[in-house]
Every structure is written in C-alpha cells, then in structure tokens.
Amino acid sequence: VQLQACGGGLVQAGGSLRLSCAVSGSIFIFDSMGWYRQAPGKQRELVATIRSGGTTNYADSVKGRFTISKDNVQKSVYLQMTSLKSEDTAVYYCNRRWGQRDDWGHGTQVTVSS
C-alpha cells in the first residue's frame, strides 16, 4: 500500500490549505486514517484522525480550524486547514492503521509565514 500526500506549500498566517492523501495498492479499508505533523526539533504529533465509520478526533491545537474528511470513492483522506498560524509549520504525514498495519506516506511541507 502507498499513501501519497500532497497539497502543502507556503501560506501567510490566517490563510488556508487543503492536504490530500491518496491510498493506492490496496482497497480503501482501515481502522483509522490520520494526519500527523513534525516540526523541526520536535516529535511527531497527532493532528487529526478519522475512523472508518466517520468518527473524527483532533488535537486541541487545531480544533475549530482543521477538518479531516474522507472520500471512499477517491480512496482519499483530506485535511482542510484554515486560520493557519506560524506554529502550524511542519511536515505533515498521512497515516493508515488497519489491524496490525501502520502505514505512513511521505510528508508534505506546510510553511506558514507570519
């Protein structure tokens, strides 16, 4: 299975970005899919997850600003990010968990300029 993340870029504070994660090489089945991020010098942290049934979970730091969603037909998961802050600057990674599997995609850089 491959997870292909895209949509990162450079944006001014207060702006928006939409990240996409496309799953290939497998049917679109999972226990949860999520977005994690890692800023320079920091550990990777949870941003948001979505379960196969649609239940979502967010880090406190992004609640009310970020929205995770999925499209079963497109086999994709999205992260709509609004009201971006400089502290959102990080490499964002897509993750899939299914049973014992824990799959990661390559990251996509998000840089928020203040």
Protein backbone atom coordinates (compact mmCIF):
# COMPACT_ATOMS: atom_id res chain seq x y z
CA VAL A 1 0.00 0.00 0.00
CA GLN A 2 1.15 3.52 -0.77
CA LEU A 3 -0.01 6.76 0.76
CA GLN A 4 0.61 9.79 -1.41
CA ALA A 5 0.25 13.10 0.38
CA CYS A 6 0.15 16.43 -1.40
CA GLY A 7 -1.16 19.94 -1.02
CA GLY A 8 1.45 21.50 1.19
CA GLY A 9 3.04 24.82 0.48
CA LEU A 10 3.80 28.30 1.71
CA VAL A 11 0.92 30.37 3.02
CA GLN A 12 0.54 33.52 5.07
CA ALA A 13 -0.81 33.40 8.58
CA GLY A 14 -4.58 33.36 8.51
CA GLY A 15 -4.63 31.55 5.20
CA SER A 16 -5.86 28.11 4.24
CA LEU A 17 -4.51 24.93 2.69
CA ARG A 18 -6.02 21.58 1.83
CA LEU A 19 -3.93 18.45 2.13
CA SER A 20 -4.83 15.27 0.29
CA CYS A 21 -3.73 11.70 0.90
CA ALA A 22 -4.47 9.13 -1.77
CA VAL A 23 -4.26 5.42 -0.99
CA SER A 24 -3.09 3.08 -3.72
CA GLY A 25 -2.14 -0.57 -3.91
CA SER A 26 -4.92 -1.60 -1.59
CA ILE A 27 -8.64 -1.40 -1.19
CA PHE A 28 -9.73 1.54 0.91
CA ILE A 29 -10.05 -0.25 4.21
CA PHE A 30 -8.78 0.94 7.53
CA ASP A 31 -9.48 1.26 11.23
CA SER A 32 -8.39 4.86 11.16
CA MET A 33 -6.60 7.28 8.91
CA GLY A 34 -4.96 10.39 10.12
CA TRP A 35 -2.64 13.30 9.73
CA TYR A 36 0.39 13.82 11.89
CA ARG A 37 2.97 16.56 11.79
CA GLN A 38 6.56 17.09 12.80
CA ALA A 39 8.08 20.50 13.28
CA PRO A 40 11.87 20.98 13.33
CA GLY A 41 13.33 19.78 16.60
CA LYS A 42 10.04 18.36 17.80
CA GLN A 43 8.45 14.94 17.95
CA ARG A 44 5.81 13.86 15.50
CA GLU A 45 2.36 14.68 16.86
CA LEU A 46 -1.20 13.80 16.07
CA VAL A 47 -3.18 16.40 14.15
CA ALA A 48 -6.43 14.60 13.31
CA THR A 49 -7.80 11.13 12.70
CA ILE A 50 -10.91 9.72 11.13
CA ARG A 51 -12.26 6.23 11.71
CA SER A 52 -13.82 4.13 9.01
CA GLY A 53 -17.25 4.94 10.41
CA GLY A 54 -16.52 8.65 10.19
CA THR A 55 -15.74 9.49 13.80
CA THR A 56 -13.11 12.22 13.96
CA ASN A 57 -10.58 13.27 16.55
CA TYR A 58 -8.47 16.43 16.66
CA ALA A 59 -5.55 17.76 18.59
CA ASP A 60 -6.63 20.61 20.85
CA SER A 61 -4.33 22.98 18.98
CA VAL A 62 -6.25 22.57 15.71
CA LYS A 63 -9.84 22.14 16.89
CA GLY A 64 -12.15 24.55 15.15
CA ARG A 65 -9.56 25.32 12.46
CA PHE A 66 -8.83 21.99 10.78
CA THR A 67 -11.28 19.48 9.33
CA ILE A 68 -10.46 15.91 8.36
CA SER A 69 -12.64 14.09 5.84
CA LYS A 70 -12.56 11.06 3.59
CA ASP A 71 -13.82 10.06 0.17
CA ASN A 72 -14.29 6.33 -0.19
CA VAL A 73 -14.69 6.56 -3.96
CA GLN A 74 -11.48 8.54 -4.40
CA LYS A 75 -9.74 6.41 -1.73
CA SER A 76 -8.51 9.61 -0.19
CA VAL A 77 -8.37 11.48 3.06
CA TYR A 78 -8.23 15.25 3.28
CA LEU A 79 -7.21 17.85 5.81
CA GLN A 80 -8.74 21.27 5.34
CA MET A 81 -6.67 23.77 7.28
CA THR A 82 -7.93 27.29 7.94
CA SER A 83 -6.78 30.20 10.07
CA LEU A 84 -3.26 28.87 9.80
CA LYS A 85 -0.71 30.00 12.34
CA SER A 86 3.07 30.05 12.24
CA GLU A 87 3.08 27.23 14.79
CA ASP A 88 1.33 25.02 12.22
CA THR A 89 4.56 24.98 10.22
CA ALA A 90 5.69 21.37 9.94
CA VAL A 91 5.97 18.38 7.68
CA TYR A 92 2.57 16.71 7.56
CA TYR A 93 2.31 12.94 7.24
CA CYS A 94 -0.58 10.74 6.27
CA ASN A 95 -1.13 7.54 8.26
CA ARG A 96 -3.28 4.45 7.89
CA ARG A 97 -3.93 1.95 10.66
CA TRP A 98 -5.59 -1.35 9.95
CA GLY A 99 -5.22 -4.27 12.29
CA GLN A 100 -1.51 -4.68 12.91
CA ARG A 101 -0.56 -2.47 9.99
CA ASP A 102 0.69 1.05 10.47
CA ASP A 103 1.40 2.68 7.12
CA TRP A 104 2.96 6.08 6.53
CA GLY A 105 3.27 8.25 3.49
CA HIS A 106 5.98 10.69 2.63
CA GLY A 107 5.42 14.04 4.21
CA THR A 108 4.31 17.28 2.67
CA GLN A 109 5.76 20.55 3.91
CA VAL A 110 3.47 23.25 5.24
CA THR A 111 5.07 26.60 5.96
CA VAL A 112 3.07 29.44 7.46
CA SER A 113 4.68 32.86 7.32
CA SER A 114 3.77 35.44 9.92
